[in-house]
Amino acid sequence: MISTKKALAAFSISALMMLSAGGAGFAAGSGFTDLGSVQGKEKIESLKDRGLVKGVNGSQFMPGSVLSVAQGVQLISGGLQLSLAAIDFIKAPVASDIFTKVDDDAWYAEAFINAHYNGVDVPADLDPKEPMTKQQFTALLVQGLEKAGNLPLIKLAPVDIDDEDQIDPSHQGGIQRSLVYKITALDKDGKFNPESKLTRAEAAVMLYNALEYLKAHGNR
């Protein structure tokens, strides 16, 4: 097998740095002036200080904006620092070989590739332009966390979720584990609200919580 690590070094620029100012949704900024009293403000600012989330234009984070699938996958890949550095390929992978709706030159293409080759099961037909639901983001984030941290399997005592009938069966395990990892929590009515559209702020807080768990329990 021919190693292409040198070629991939240029191709696999850190997802934290590879965002276009307009489309990426996490472009460079000097500070966030629009967080106000947003819930989780301190967590978002902590991620910003560590270079894991960035503003959309200058100093604006736009915390209430709905997260797109592209932004969500980018946030997971970048925040968990998923890369191809330790993987050998005969030829450098391209997004269109894996995903039906991801252009090879799209700003988020590398994030999709990195997620895929690090064991995150991003559906091949997932549309990057669509809003990302809470259950979609949770399931992918948990997969990324477990792979990045080489976490052991845990024995679950399933939590009763009042709106469990709205959860995609393929996401149930990840959602249950997200509750154990304290990445997410049920609302006051015991609901998860799986089909709700995530905001940028909510997704960033979930990433922060995942990284806290990784710091305490990860084995990488």
Protein backbone atom coordinates (compact mmCIF):
# COMPACT_ATOMS: atom_id res chain seq x y z
CA MET A 1 0.00 0.00 0.00
CA ILE A 2 1.30 3.43 -0.92
CA SER A 3 1.20 5.99 1.90
CA THR A 4 -0.24 9.35 0.98
CA LYS A 5 0.28 11.02 4.34
CA LYS A 6 2.36 13.82 2.82
CA ALA A 7 -0.31 14.60 0.28
CA LEU A 8 -2.98 14.40 2.93
CA ALA A 9 -1.08 16.78 5.17
CA ALA A 10 -1.95 19.51 2.70
CA PHE A 11 -5.41 18.10 2.01
CA SER A 12 -6.31 17.45 5.64
CA ILE A 13 -5.83 20.92 7.05
CA SER A 14 -7.35 21.09 10.49
CA ALA A 15 -11.10 21.51 10.32
CA LEU A 16 -10.72 24.27 12.85
CA MET A 17 -8.97 26.43 10.25
CA MET A 18 -10.67 25.40 7.02
CA LEU A 19 -13.84 27.47 7.05
CA SER A 20 -14.89 29.98 4.42
CA ALA A 21 -16.15 33.31 5.70
CA GLY A 22 -19.60 33.05 4.19
CA GLY A 23 -20.71 29.45 3.84
CA ALA A 24 -18.96 27.79 6.73
CA GLY A 25 -20.89 29.39 9.55
CA PHE A 26 -17.88 29.29 11.87
CA ALA A 27 -15.51 31.76 10.21
CA ALA A 28 -12.81 33.72 11.98
CA GLY A 29 -13.71 36.52 14.36
CA SER A 30 -12.01 38.55 17.11
CA GLY A 31 -14.77 38.17 19.69
CA PHE A 32 -18.48 37.52 20.10
CA THR A 33 -20.61 40.57 20.75
CA ASP A 34 -24.01 38.97 20.22
CA LEU A 35 -24.15 36.32 22.96
CA GLY A 36 -25.87 38.58 25.47
CA SER A 37 -27.62 36.35 28.00
CA VAL A 38 -27.60 33.26 25.77
CA GLN A 39 -27.76 30.06 27.80
CA GLY A 40 -24.33 28.46 27.80
CA LYS A 41 -22.56 31.72 26.97
CA GLU A 42 -19.51 30.82 29.09
CA LYS A 43 -19.17 27.45 27.37
CA ILE A 44 -19.33 29.03 23.94
CA GLU A 45 -16.74 31.62 24.91
CA SER A 46 -14.50 28.85 26.25
CA LEU A 47 -14.71 27.00 22.94
CA LYS A 48 -13.96 30.21 21.10
CA ASP A 49 -10.88 30.84 23.23
CA ARG A 50 -9.66 27.34 22.39
CA GLY A 51 -10.25 27.90 18.67
CA LEU A 52 -13.03 25.33 18.42
CA VAL A 53 -15.85 27.64 17.35
CA LYS A 54 -15.67 30.91 15.48
CA GLY A 55 -17.99 33.67 14.38
CA VAL A 56 -19.94 33.95 11.15
CA ASN A 57 -18.68 37.41 10.29
CA GLY A 58 -16.26 39.36 12.39
CA SER A 59 -17.48 39.31 15.96
CA GLN A 60 -20.92 37.74 15.47
CA PHE A 61 -21.63 34.14 16.46
CA MET A 62 -25.36 34.28 15.62
CA PRO A 63 -26.24 31.88 18.45
CA GLY A 64 -29.93 31.66 17.56
CA SER A 65 -29.40 30.67 13.93
CA VAL A 66 -30.44 27.15 12.99
CA LEU A 67 -27.51 24.79 12.50
CA SER A 68 -27.20 23.25 9.05
CA VAL A 69 -26.07 19.66 8.50
CA ALA A 70 -22.85 20.99 6.97
CA GLN A 71 -22.14 23.15 10.01
CA GLY A 72 -22.99 20.29 12.35
CA VAL A 73 -20.62 17.82 10.73
CA GLN A 74 -17.94 20.52 10.59
CA LEU A 75 -18.41 21.26 14.29
CA ILE A 76 -18.08 17.59 15.23
CA SER A 77 -15.03 16.95 13.04
CA GLY A 78 -13.30 20.16 14.03
CA GLY A 79 -14.22 20.12 17.70
CA LEU A 80 -13.11 16.52 18.19
CA GLN A 81 -10.09 17.09 15.90
CA LEU A 82 -10.89 14.16 13.65
CA SER A 83 -8.31 13.82 10.88
CA LEU A 84 -6.75 11.40 8.42
CA ALA A 85 -3.24 11.77 9.82
CA ALA A 86 -2.96 8.17 11.04
CA ILE A 87 -4.63 6.55 8.02
CA ASP A 88 -2.92 5.34 4.85
CA PHE A 89 -4.67 5.49 1.50
CA ILE A 90 -3.75 4.31 -1.97
CA LYS A 91 -5.17 7.63 -3.19
CA ALA A 92 -6.47 10.63 -1.33
CA PRO A 93 -10.20 10.18 -0.64
CA VAL A 94 -12.78 12.50 -2.16
CA ALA A 95 -16.20 13.29 -0.77
CA SER A 96 -18.10 12.34 -3.93
CA ASP A 97 -16.86 8.74 -3.59
CA ILE A 98 -18.72 8.51 -0.28
CA PHE A 99 -21.54 11.05 -0.22
CA THR A 100 -24.14 11.72 -2.88
CA LYS A 101 -24.79 15.38 -2.00
CA VAL A 102 -21.35 16.65 -0.97
CA ASP A 103 -19.31 18.42 -3.66
CA ASP A 104 -15.59 17.74 -3.58
CA ASP A 105 -14.76 21.44 -3.49
CA ALA A 106 -17.32 22.37 -0.82
CA TRP A 107 -15.95 24.07 2.31
CA TYR A 108 -17.35 21.24 4.44
CA ALA A 109 -16.14 18.33 2.27
CA GLU A 110 -13.08 17.64 4.41
CA ALA A 111 -15.18 17.49 7.58
CA PHE A 112 -17.46 14.86 6.03
CA ILE A 113 -14.44 12.81 4.91
CA ASN A 114 -12.74 13.06 8.29
CA ALA A 115 -15.91 12.04 10.10
CA HIS A 116 -16.46 9.06 7.80
CA TYR A 117 -12.96 7.67 8.11
CA ASN A 118 -12.98 8.13 11.89
CA GLY A 119 -15.99 5.90 12.34
CA VAL A 120 -18.79 8.46 12.41
CA ASP A 121 -21.66 7.01 10.41
CA VAL A 122 -22.75 10.06 8.44
CA PRO A 123 -25.47 8.85 6.04
CA ALA A 124 -24.28 8.89 2.43
CA ASP A 125 -27.37 10.79 1.27
CA LEU A 126 -27.45 13.39 4.07
CA ASP A 127 -28.06 16.85 2.59
CA PRO A 128 -25.51 19.39 3.90
CA LYS A 129 -27.90 22.28 3.24
CA GLU A 130 -30.75 20.93 5.39
CA PRO A 131 -31.29 22.01 9.00
CA MET A 132 -29.84 19.54 11.49
CA THR A 133 -32.17 18.01 14.06
CA LYS A 134 -31.24 17.47 17.66
CA GLN A 135 -31.30 13.70 17.30
CA GLN A 136 -29.11 13.74 14.18
CA PHE A 137 -26.45 15.92 15.78
CA THR A 138 -26.57 14.01 19.07
CA ALA A 139 -26.13 10.62 17.42
CA LEU A 140 -23.18 11.76 15.29
CA LEU A 141 -21.53 13.67 18.13
CA VAL A 142 -21.73 10.64 20.43
CA GLN A 143 -20.20 8.42 17.75
CA GLY A 144 -17.39 10.92 17.23
CA LEU A 145 -16.79 11.24 20.97
CA GLU A 146 -16.61 7.49 21.49
CA LYS A 147 -14.23 7.00 18.57
CA ALA A 148 -12.02 9.98 19.43
CA GLY A 149 -11.75 8.97 23.08
CA ASN A 150 -11.62 5.21 22.48
CA LEU A 151 -14.36 4.96 25.09
CA PRO A 152 -15.35 1.56 26.45
CA LEU A 153 -18.84 0.16 26.01
CA ILE A 154 -21.09 1.11 28.90
CA LYS A 155 -23.97 -0.79 30.43
CA LEU A 156 -27.05 1.34 30.07
CA ALA A 157 -30.06 1.58 32.31
CA PRO A 158 -32.30 3.31 29.76
CA VAL A 159 -33.82 6.59 30.85
CA ASP A 160 -37.55 7.03 30.31
CA ILE A 161 -38.04 9.63 27.58
CA ASP A 162 -41.57 10.99 27.31
CA ASP A 163 -41.39 11.54 23.55
CA GLU A 164 -39.38 8.42 22.73
CA ASP A 165 -41.88 7.55 20.02
CA GLN A 166 -40.48 10.48 17.99
CA ILE A 167 -36.90 9.19 18.13
CA ASP A 168 -35.47 7.40 15.11
CA PRO A 169 -34.66 3.86 16.32
CA SER A 170 -31.16 4.14 14.86
CA HIS A 171 -30.50 7.13 17.14
CA GLN A 172 -31.92 5.72 20.38
CA GLY A 173 -28.67 4.24 21.68
CA GLY A 174 -26.68 7.38 20.99
CA ILE A 175 -29.28 9.57 22.65
CA GLN A 176 -29.39 7.36 25.73
CA ARG A 177 -25.60 7.48 25.98
CA SER A 178 -25.63 11.25 25.50
CA LEU A 179 -27.74 11.49 28.64
CA VAL A 180 -25.26 9.33 30.56
CA TYR A 181 -22.34 11.40 29.26
CA LYS A 182 -24.27 14.57 30.24
CA ILE A 183 -23.96 15.94 26.74
CA THR A 184 -27.71 16.47 26.69
CA ALA A 185 -30.55 16.51 29.20
CA LEU A 186 -34.29 16.05 29.07
CA ASP A 187 -36.50 19.10 29.47
CA LYS A 188 -38.70 19.72 32.50
CA ASP A 189 -41.39 17.53 30.97
CA GLY A 190 -39.03 14.60 30.45
CA LYS A 191 -38.84 15.14 26.69
CA PHE A 192 -35.82 15.07 24.41
CA ASN A 193 -37.45 16.90 21.50
CA PRO A 194 -35.58 14.84 18.90
CA GLU A 195 -36.98 16.59 15.82
CA SER A 196 -36.29 20.12 17.04
CA LYS A 197 -33.89 22.13 14.88
CA LEU A 198 -30.70 22.88 16.78
CA THR A 199 -29.37 26.40 17.09
CA ARG A 200 -25.67 27.16 16.77
CA ALA A 201 -25.56 27.92 20.49
CA GLU A 202 -27.19 24.63 21.47
CA ALA A 203 -24.82 22.64 19.28
CA ALA A 204 -21.77 24.46 20.67
CA VAL A 205 -22.87 23.74 24.24
CA MET A 206 -23.30 20.06 23.39
CA LEU A 207 -19.79 19.99 21.92
CA TYR A 208 -18.41 21.61 25.08
CA ASN A 209 -20.14 18.99 27.24
CA ALA A 210 -18.76 16.19 25.04
CA LEU A 211 -15.23 17.56 25.34
CA GLU A 212 -15.59 17.75 29.12
CA TYR A 213 -16.54 14.09 29.19
CA LEU A 214 -13.64 13.26 26.87
CA LYS A 215 -11.22 15.11 29.12
CA ALA A 216 -12.37 13.11 32.14
CA HIS A 217 -12.82 9.68 30.55
CA GLY A 218 -11.04 9.55 27.19
CA ASN A 219 -8.14 7.23 26.40
CA ARG A 220 -6.54 8.93 23.42
